[in-house]
Amino acid sequence: MKIRECIAIAMLFGMCIPALAQNDIKDNEFNPVNTGVTTLSITPDARGSGMGNLGAATDPDMNSQFWNPSKYAFAYSQGGLAISYTPWLRKIVNDIFLADLSGYWKLGSGDNQALSASFRYFSLGEVTTGQSYDGPNVQTINPYEFAFDLGYSRKLSEKFSMGVVLRYILSDLSYQDTQTGEQFKAASAFSVDLSGYYTTFPMIGRNECQFSWGFDISNIGTKVSNDNGVTNAFLPTNLRLGMNFMFPLMDYHTLAIGLDLNKLLVPTKPRAKDYDMDTPEGSDAYWEAYDTWNSMSPITGIFKSFTDAPGGFKEELQEIQFSLGAEYNYNQQFFVRAGYNYEHPNKGGRSYFAFGAGFSLNVVQLDASYMLATAQSSPLDQTLRFTLSFDMDGLRDLLGKRRR
């Protein structure tokens, strides 16, 4: 198998865009949005994934860099660090995984601003290429993708904050074509995230509740090419809108319910099946549309993404993915989570239930999540995630007690 085919298959399964294409979906209606570096869209942490991929407006935590970095300005602790690990597609292979390191630190004495950073590494495992697996042209590569980013968030009022993140992305799917000798190099890109977060504490009856909403526009950046510029793919620029409502059940017991909406701000790639390729006019029209898409700037693509679906407004609505989830919290020590993520079958069909739990001490918190796909054939089924978090305030208090 050629390396280009191997990588395409690996990335296809990596995001499971077709969800192994359900048989009841008509071929002419199946039209997922295509992007490069699709691994940037994979949820890294166990808390957010345990609520069905939810996090735009939930309480701040160490992994807010992925969901909404402006939440860090409202973080309760001086700083924190989290390590997450996801064995990806473990039902199919055992050497593909996502690892993520995220953290933040509050600045100054006013507790109004924070610096944050994260590093994510996605390994596609070992890929063997060539005309045969025992011939002279066999080569073995280890393709991977990583992203490193720095963020800054600040309170603009007692209830509202905004944040910005600068990100460097590397997609190393490099290899040498054993037939032509052409060398395909690693691709890199830069992107920016813009986010906002609002939170307030209304009184309902005698209970103080918390209502929050937030937005995050992620991966606004340059295009990326893994084939020496033949195809220039858009980054998975995404608009996430969310709200969260937390209320007390009784002393030390709270319940939070949240909703996130996501839409890729990426123009739809033209499909040859939508043109009469048997005629010169149809073929010319397709290639003209393809060249326009391939050369389109990312900013133009963002605005184009709201109106370019072949099926019109109905299909644009199908591109909206939603997550509904809940988190039960006992005294900030024990957590139980559940959620549901829905994506329209015509846009990928990655729909699943999610469950999670967490246990926290003063210094360390351990979270885990489990995905149960609605389609039995989905390779995302039974995906596990683990996150280990460290609270800097708790660590400082622990060290202070030991010194005394």
Protein backbone atom coordinates (compact mmCIF):
# COMPACT_ATOMS: atom_id res chain seq x y z
CA MET A 1 0.00 0.00 0.00
CA LYS A 2 1.31 3.47 -0.85
CA ILE A 3 2.11 5.84 1.99
CA ARG A 4 -0.44 8.38 0.74
CA GLU A 5 -3.14 5.73 1.05
CA CYS A 6 -1.91 4.66 4.47
CA ILE A 7 -1.98 8.19 5.80
CA ALA A 8 -5.39 8.86 4.29
CA ILE A 9 -6.77 5.73 5.93
CA ALA A 10 -5.13 6.56 9.26
CA MET A 11 -6.52 10.09 9.28
CA LEU A 12 -9.91 8.88 8.10
CA PHE A 13 -10.17 6.47 10.98
CA GLY A 14 -8.55 8.99 13.30
CA MET A 15 -11.49 11.33 13.09
CA CYS A 16 -14.00 8.68 11.96
CA ILE A 17 -15.70 11.25 9.75
CA PRO A 18 -17.80 8.70 7.91
CA ALA A 19 -18.34 6.65 11.07
CA LEU A 20 -17.86 3.70 8.73
CA ALA A 21 -20.70 5.21 6.64
CA GLN A 22 -24.04 3.88 7.73
CA ASN A 23 -25.79 1.97 4.98
CA ASP A 24 -28.98 4.02 5.28
CA ILE A 25 -27.29 7.28 4.23
CA LYS A 26 -27.73 8.14 0.59
CA ASP A 27 -24.39 8.66 -1.12
CA ASN A 28 -25.41 11.99 -2.64
CA GLU A 29 -26.40 13.36 0.79
CA PHE A 30 -23.23 12.39 2.66
CA ASN A 31 -21.04 15.49 2.60
CA PRO A 32 -18.77 16.03 5.64
CA VAL A 33 -16.63 19.16 5.88
CA ASN A 34 -13.00 18.40 4.96
CA THR A 35 -10.07 19.92 6.88
CA GLY A 36 -6.39 19.38 7.42
CA VAL A 37 -4.81 18.48 10.79
CA THR A 38 -8.11 16.99 11.91
CA THR A 39 -6.52 15.81 15.16
CA LEU A 40 -6.81 19.38 16.50
CA SER A 41 -10.53 18.69 16.95
CA ILE A 42 -10.08 15.65 19.18
CA THR A 43 -11.06 16.30 22.80
CA PRO A 44 -7.97 15.86 24.98
CA ASP A 45 -9.36 15.66 28.53
CA ALA A 46 -11.60 13.29 30.47
CA ARG A 47 -13.82 15.91 32.13
CA GLY A 48 -15.08 17.52 28.92
CA SER A 49 -15.40 14.22 27.06
CA GLY A 50 -17.28 12.69 30.00
CA MET A 51 -20.04 15.26 29.43
CA GLY A 52 -20.30 14.53 25.71
CA ASN A 53 -17.62 16.99 24.53
CA LEU A 54 -18.77 19.95 26.59
CA GLY A 55 -16.73 22.84 27.96
CA ALA A 56 -17.39 26.30 26.50
CA ALA A 57 -19.09 27.56 29.67
CA THR A 58 -18.34 25.01 32.40
CA ASP A 59 -16.37 26.00 35.48
CA PRO A 60 -12.68 26.74 34.73
CA ASP A 61 -10.23 23.87 35.04
CA MET A 62 -6.69 23.05 33.91
CA ASN A 63 -7.88 21.99 30.43
CA SER A 64 -9.78 25.18 29.58
CA GLN A 65 -7.17 25.95 26.91
CA PHE A 66 -8.97 23.59 24.53
CA TRP A 67 -12.54 24.62 25.39
CA ASN A 68 -12.43 28.32 26.24
CA PRO A 69 -9.16 29.85 27.49
CA SER A 70 -10.87 33.04 28.70
CA LYS A 71 -12.20 30.95 31.64
CA TYR A 72 -8.73 30.93 33.20
CA ALA A 73 -9.23 34.52 34.38
CA PHE A 74 -12.01 33.18 36.67
CA ALA A 75 -10.03 30.16 37.90
CA TYR A 76 -10.21 29.62 41.65
CA SER A 77 -6.63 28.45 42.11
CA GLN A 78 -3.39 30.34 41.52
CA GLY A 79 -2.33 27.75 38.96
CA GLY A 80 -2.70 24.20 37.76
CA LEU A 81 -1.34 21.52 35.46
CA ALA A 82 -3.07 18.58 33.75
CA ILE A 83 -1.80 15.56 31.83
CA SER A 84 -4.26 13.67 29.60
CA TYR A 85 -3.91 10.46 27.65
CA THR A 86 -6.25 8.88 25.10
CA PRO A 87 -5.60 5.50 23.42
CA TRP A 88 -7.21 6.30 20.05
CA LEU A 89 -9.11 3.66 18.07
CA ARG A 90 -8.05 0.98 20.52
CA LYS A 91 -10.58 -1.47 19.02
CA ILE A 92 -8.62 -1.41 15.76
CA VAL A 93 -4.96 -0.63 16.57
CA ASN A 94 -2.83 -0.32 19.70
CA ASP A 95 -0.22 2.29 18.77
CA ILE A 96 -2.29 5.41 17.99
CA PHE A 97 -2.72 7.82 20.89
CA LEU A 98 -3.23 11.44 21.89
CA ALA A 99 -1.25 12.98 24.76
CA ASP A 100 -1.91 16.47 26.08
CA LEU A 101 -0.25 18.72 28.67
CA SER A 102 -2.14 21.86 29.72
CA GLY A 103 -1.77 24.43 32.48
CA TYR A 104 -2.15 28.02 33.59
CA TRP A 105 -0.84 30.56 36.10
CA LYS A 106 -2.67 33.59 37.49
CA LEU A 107 -0.77 36.90 37.22
CA GLY A 108 -0.51 39.75 39.69
CA SER A 109 -2.27 40.34 42.97
CA GLY A 110 -5.59 41.41 41.45
CA ASP A 111 -6.45 37.88 40.31
CA ASN A 112 -7.76 39.32 37.02
CA GLN A 113 -5.48 37.76 34.40
CA ALA A 114 -3.75 34.51 33.58
CA LEU A 115 -1.17 32.97 31.28
CA SER A 116 -1.84 29.52 29.89
CA ALA A 117 -0.17 26.97 27.64
CA SER A 118 -0.71 23.53 26.21
CA PHE A 119 1.13 20.93 24.18
CA ARG A 120 -0.69 18.12 22.36
CA TYR A 121 0.93 15.22 20.53
CA PHE A 122 -0.94 12.79 18.30
CA SER A 123 0.91 9.67 17.15
CA LEU A 124 -0.35 7.74 14.12
CA GLY A 125 1.76 4.76 15.11
CA GLU A 126 4.01 2.87 12.75
CA VAL A 127 3.17 2.80 9.04
CA THR A 128 4.85 0.43 6.58
CA THR A 129 4.85 1.55 2.96
CA GLY A 130 5.94 0.31 -0.43
CA GLN A 131 4.69 -1.93 -3.21
CA SER A 132 5.01 -4.95 -0.97
CA TYR A 133 5.87 -5.48 2.64
CA ASP A 134 8.99 -7.53 1.86
CA GLY A 135 10.31 -5.80 -1.27
CA PRO A 136 13.27 -3.44 -1.71
CA ASN A 137 11.11 -0.29 -1.62
CA VAL A 138 9.65 -0.89 1.81
CA GLN A 139 9.99 1.94 4.31
CA THR A 140 8.64 2.38 7.80
CA ILE A 141 7.66 5.79 9.11
CA ASN A 142 6.07 7.15 12.29
CA PRO A 143 3.78 10.02 11.27
CA TYR A 144 2.63 12.39 13.99
CA GLU A 145 1.08 15.80 14.58
CA PHE A 146 1.61 18.22 17.44
CA ALA A 147 0.51 21.69 18.47
CA PHE A 148 1.99 24.09 21.02
CA ASP A 149 0.20 27.22 22.14
CA LEU A 150 0.36 30.13 24.57
CA GLY A 151 -2.66 32.03 25.83
CA TYR A 152 -3.54 35.14 27.78
CA SER A 153 -6.89 35.84 29.44
CA ARG A 154 -8.14 38.84 31.39
CA LYS A 155 -11.27 39.94 33.23
CA LEU A 156 -12.85 42.97 31.57
CA SER A 157 -15.44 43.24 34.34
CA GLU A 158 -16.47 41.31 37.43
CA LYS A 159 -18.52 38.97 35.24
CA PHE A 160 -16.87 38.91 31.82
CA SER A 161 -13.44 37.93 30.48
CA MET A 162 -11.79 37.42 27.11
CA GLY A 163 -8.80 35.44 25.97
CA VAL A 164 -6.46 34.96 23.04
CA VAL A 165 -4.25 31.98 22.13
CA LEU A 166 -1.38 31.79 19.64
CA ARG A 167 -0.65 28.31 18.28
CA TYR A 168 2.07 26.60 16.24
CA ILE A 169 1.07 23.38 14.45
CA LEU A 170 3.25 20.72 12.84
CA SER A 171 1.85 17.85 10.76
CA ASP A 172 4.71 15.45 10.03
CA LEU A 173 3.37 12.96 7.51
CA SER A 174 6.60 13.22 5.52
CA TYR A 175 7.84 10.39 3.33
CA GLN A 176 9.57 9.69 0.02
CA ASP A 177 7.57 8.24 -2.85
CA THR A 178 9.41 5.03 -3.71
CA GLN A 179 8.22 5.17 -7.32
CA THR A 180 8.94 8.79 -8.29
CA GLY A 181 11.54 9.66 -5.65
CA GLU A 182 9.58 12.79 -4.71
CA GLN A 183 10.10 13.86 -1.11
CA PHE A 184 7.01 15.01 0.77
CA LYS A 185 7.89 17.25 3.71
CA ALA A 186 6.24 18.02 7.02
CA ALA A 187 3.69 20.84 6.99
CA SER A 188 3.38 23.61 9.54
CA ALA A 189 0.81 26.28 10.29
CA PHE A 190 0.01 29.08 12.73
CA SER A 191 -3.37 29.88 14.23
CA VAL A 192 -5.17 32.11 16.73
CA ASP A 193 -8.06 31.45 19.13
CA LEU A 194 -10.43 34.18 20.35
CA SER A 195 -12.77 33.53 23.27
CA GLY A 196 -15.09 35.10 25.82
CA TYR A 197 -16.70 33.97 29.08
CA TYR A 198 -19.51 35.44 31.19
CA THR A 199 -20.60 34.17 34.58
CA THR A 200 -23.10 35.40 37.16
CA PHE A 201 -24.62 34.09 40.40
CA PRO A 202 -28.40 34.62 40.47
CA MET A 203 -30.51 33.85 43.55
CA ILE A 204 -33.33 31.40 42.85
CA GLY A 205 -35.44 31.09 45.95
CA ARG A 206 -32.95 30.85 48.78
CA ASN A 207 -30.28 29.19 46.67
CA GLU A 208 -27.35 30.86 44.98
CA CYS A 209 -26.93 29.37 41.52
CA GLN A 210 -24.42 30.01 38.75
CA PHE A 211 -25.21 30.76 35.13
CA SER A 212 -22.44 31.03 32.53
CA TRP A 213 -22.10 31.33 28.79
CA GLY A 214 -19.05 31.38 26.58
CA PHE A 215 -17.73 31.30 23.06
CA ASP A 216 -14.50 30.17 21.46
CA ILE A 217 -13.39 30.60 17.84
CA SER A 218 -10.42 28.27 17.49
CA ASN A 219 -7.77 27.59 14.84
CA ILE A 220 -8.10 30.77 12.81
CA GLY A 221 -4.93 30.40 10.81
CA THR A 222 -2.92 29.54 7.75
CA LYS A 223 -3.71 26.64 5.45
CA VAL A 224 -1.68 23.44 5.48
CA SER A 225 -0.44 21.10 2.74
CA ASN A 226 0.95 17.58 3.11
CA ASP A 227 1.53 17.09 -0.63
CA ASN A 228 3.97 19.91 -1.46
CA GLY A 229 1.26 22.46 -2.21
CA VAL A 230 -0.95 20.44 -4.54
CA THR A 231 -3.78 20.59 -2.00
CA ASN A 232 -4.05 23.42 0.52
CA ALA A 233 -6.33 22.30 3.31
CA PHE A 234 -8.07 24.52 5.83
CA LEU A 235 -7.36 24.12 9.51
CA PRO A 236 -10.41 22.93 11.51
CA THR A 237 -11.52 26.46 12.39
CA ASN A 238 -14.40 25.99 14.80
CA LEU A 239 -17.04 28.16 16.45
CA ARG A 240 -18.11 26.85 19.86
CA LEU A 241 -21.02 28.42 21.76
CA GLY A 242 -22.06 27.16 25.16
CA MET A 243 -24.05 27.77 28.31
CA ASN A 244 -23.97 26.15 31.73
CA PHE A 245 -26.29 26.30 34.75
CA MET A 246 -25.19 25.04 38.16
CA PHE A 247 -27.48 24.81 41.17
CA PRO A 248 -27.24 23.28 44.66
CA LEU A 249 -29.13 20.10 45.48
CA MET A 250 -28.34 20.26 49.21
CA ASP A 251 -25.32 21.02 51.36
CA TYR A 252 -22.10 20.03 49.55
CA HIS A 253 -24.06 18.66 46.57
CA THR A 254 -24.38 20.52 43.25
CA LEU A 255 -25.54 19.67 39.75
CA ALA A 256 -24.48 21.47 36.57
CA ILE A 257 -26.20 21.13 33.18
CA GLY A 258 -24.60 22.44 30.00
CA LEU A 259 -25.12 22.73 26.27
CA ASP A 260 -22.50 23.34 23.56
CA LEU A 261 -23.04 24.05 19.86
CA ASN A 262 -20.19 23.62 17.37
CA LYS A 263 -19.84 24.55 13.72
CA LEU A 264 -16.76 24.24 11.53
CA LEU A 265 -16.01 27.58 9.88
CA VAL A 266 -14.62 25.84 6.80
CA PRO A 267 -16.07 26.03 3.28
CA THR A 268 -17.49 22.86 1.77
CA LYS A 269 -15.16 21.18 -0.70
CA PRO A 270 -16.72 20.80 -4.19
CA ARG A 271 -17.73 17.25 -5.13
CA ALA A 272 -17.33 15.85 -8.62
CA LYS A 273 -20.62 13.97 -8.21
CA ASP A 274 -22.46 17.33 -8.15
CA TYR A 275 -21.27 18.10 -11.69
CA ASP A 276 -21.84 16.46 -15.04
CA MET A 277 -18.27 15.25 -15.47
CA ASP A 278 -19.14 13.54 -18.77
CA THR A 279 -19.42 16.93 -20.49
CA PRO A 280 -16.65 19.51 -20.98
CA GLU A 281 -18.83 22.20 -19.45
CA GLY A 282 -19.51 20.17 -16.31
CA SER A 283 -15.87 19.14 -15.94
CA ASP A 284 -14.66 22.72 -16.39
CA ALA A 285 -17.20 23.98 -13.86
CA TYR A 286 -16.04 21.43 -11.28
CA TRP A 287 -12.33 22.21 -11.66
CA GLU A 288 -13.03 25.93 -11.53
CA ALA A 289 -14.95 25.46 -8.27
CA TYR A 290 -12.18 23.21 -6.90
CA ASP A 291 -9.43 25.70 -7.76
CA THR A 292 -11.43 28.46 -6.09
CA TRP A 293 -11.79 26.35 -2.94
CA ASN A 294 -8.13 25.31 -2.99
CA SER A 295 -6.86 28.89 -3.31
CA MET A 296 -9.43 30.54 -1.02
CA SER A 297 -7.99 32.42 1.96
CA PRO A 298 -8.87 31.18 5.47
CA ILE A 299 -10.68 34.41 6.38
CA THR A 300 -12.77 34.29 3.21
CA GLY A 301 -13.48 30.64 3.97
CA ILE A 302 -14.86 31.52 7.42
CA PHE A 303 -17.54 33.80 5.94
CA LYS A 304 -18.14 31.44 3.02
CA SER A 305 -18.80 28.54 5.39
CA PHE A 306 -22.20 29.94 6.42
CA THR A 307 -23.70 29.95 2.91
CA ASP A 308 -21.92 27.44 0.65
CA ALA A 309 -23.51 24.07 1.49
CA PRO A 310 -24.94 22.47 -1.70
CA GLY A 311 -28.19 21.70 0.12
CA GLY A 312 -28.72 25.32 1.16
CA PHE A 313 -29.79 26.47 4.63
CA LYS A 314 -31.05 23.00 5.53
CA GLU A 315 -27.59 21.53 5.02
CA GLU A 316 -25.95 24.42 6.87
CA LEU A 317 -28.05 23.50 9.92
CA GLN A 318 -26.85 19.91 9.56
CA GLU A 319 -23.29 21.14 10.09
CA ILE A 320 -24.10 22.22 13.66
CA GLN A 321 -23.00 19.62 16.18
CA PHE A 322 -24.39 19.77 19.71
CA SER A 323 -23.38 18.36 23.08
CA LEU A 324 -25.64 18.09 26.12
CA GLY A 325 -24.13 17.06 29.44
CA ALA A 326 -24.31 17.16 33.23
CA GLU A 327 -21.90 16.99 36.14
CA TYR A 328 -22.72 16.03 39.73
CA ASN A 329 -20.27 17.38 42.30
CA TYR A 330 -19.92 16.36 45.93
CA ASN A 331 -17.89 18.85 47.95
CA GLN A 332 -15.37 19.33 45.10
CA GLN A 333 -14.09 15.84 45.88
CA PHE A 334 -16.20 13.39 43.91
CA PHE A 335 -17.68 13.90 40.43
CA VAL A 336 -20.04 11.93 38.20
CA ARG A 337 -20.65 13.01 34.59
CA ALA A 338 -22.78 12.02 31.62
CA GLY A 339 -23.57 13.50 28.24
CA TYR A 340 -24.58 13.02 24.65
CA ASN A 341 -22.91 14.28 21.48
CA TYR A 342 -24.82 14.47 18.20
CA GLU A 343 -23.53 14.99 14.68
CA HIS A 344 -25.87 14.70 11.70
CA PRO A 345 -25.34 11.46 9.73
CA ASN A 346 -24.78 13.45 6.52
CA LYS A 347 -21.89 15.29 8.18
CA GLY A 348 -20.14 12.34 9.78
CA GLY A 349 -22.54 10.71 12.20
CA ARG A 350 -20.14 10.79 15.16
CA SER A 351 -22.89 10.47 17.77
CA TYR A 352 -22.34 8.83 21.13
CA PHE A 353 -23.18 8.76 24.82
CA ALA A 354 -20.43 9.60 27.27
CA PHE A 355 -19.86 8.81 30.93
CA GLY A 356 -17.21 9.93 33.36
CA ALA A 357 -16.10 10.16 36.96
CA GLY A 358 -13.47 11.98 38.97
CA PHE A 359 -11.92 11.97 42.42
CA SER A 360 -10.06 14.92 43.91
CA LEU A 361 -7.77 15.43 46.88
CA ASN A 362 -6.22 18.74 47.88
CA VAL A 363 -3.43 18.40 45.35
CA VAL A 364 -4.36 15.78 42.77
CA GLN A 365 -7.49 15.00 40.77
CA LEU A 366 -7.96 11.92 38.61
CA ASP A 367 -10.67 11.86 35.92
CA ALA A 368 -11.72 9.17 33.46
CA SER A 369 -14.32 9.02 30.71
CA TYR A 370 -15.87 6.39 28.47
CA MET A 371 -17.61 6.76 25.11
CA LEU A 372 -20.44 4.53 23.90
CA ALA A 373 -21.14 5.12 20.21
CA THR A 374 -24.71 4.93 18.91
CA ALA A 375 -23.48 3.10 15.79
CA GLN A 376 -22.13 -0.36 16.56
CA SER A 377 -19.70 -0.12 13.65
CA SER A 378 -18.11 3.12 14.91
CA PRO A 379 -14.43 2.73 15.80
CA LEU A 380 -14.95 5.48 18.40
CA ASP A 381 -16.98 3.05 20.50
CA GLN A 382 -15.47 2.30 23.94
CA THR A 383 -12.91 5.11 23.75
CA LEU A 384 -11.31 5.81 27.13
CA ARG A 385 -9.65 9.01 28.34
CA PHE A 386 -7.63 9.71 31.47
CA THR A 387 -6.62 13.04 33.00
CA LEU A 388 -4.36 13.67 36.01
CA SER A 389 -4.52 17.23 37.34
CA PHE A 390 -2.39 19.06 39.91
CA ASP A 391 -3.60 22.09 41.86
CA MET A 392 -0.83 24.56 42.71
CA ASP A 393 -2.65 26.05 45.70
CA GLY A 394 -3.09 22.61 47.21
CA LEU A 395 0.54 21.75 46.55
CA ARG A 396 1.70 25.01 48.15
CA ASP A 397 -0.45 24.40 51.23
CA LEU A 398 0.84 20.83 51.51
CA LEU A 399 4.47 21.96 51.31
CA GLY A 400 3.79 24.72 53.86
CA LYS A 401 2.36 22.25 56.37
CA ARG A 402 5.36 19.97 55.99
CA ARG A 403 7.78 22.84 56.63
CA ARG A 404 5.94 23.79 59.81
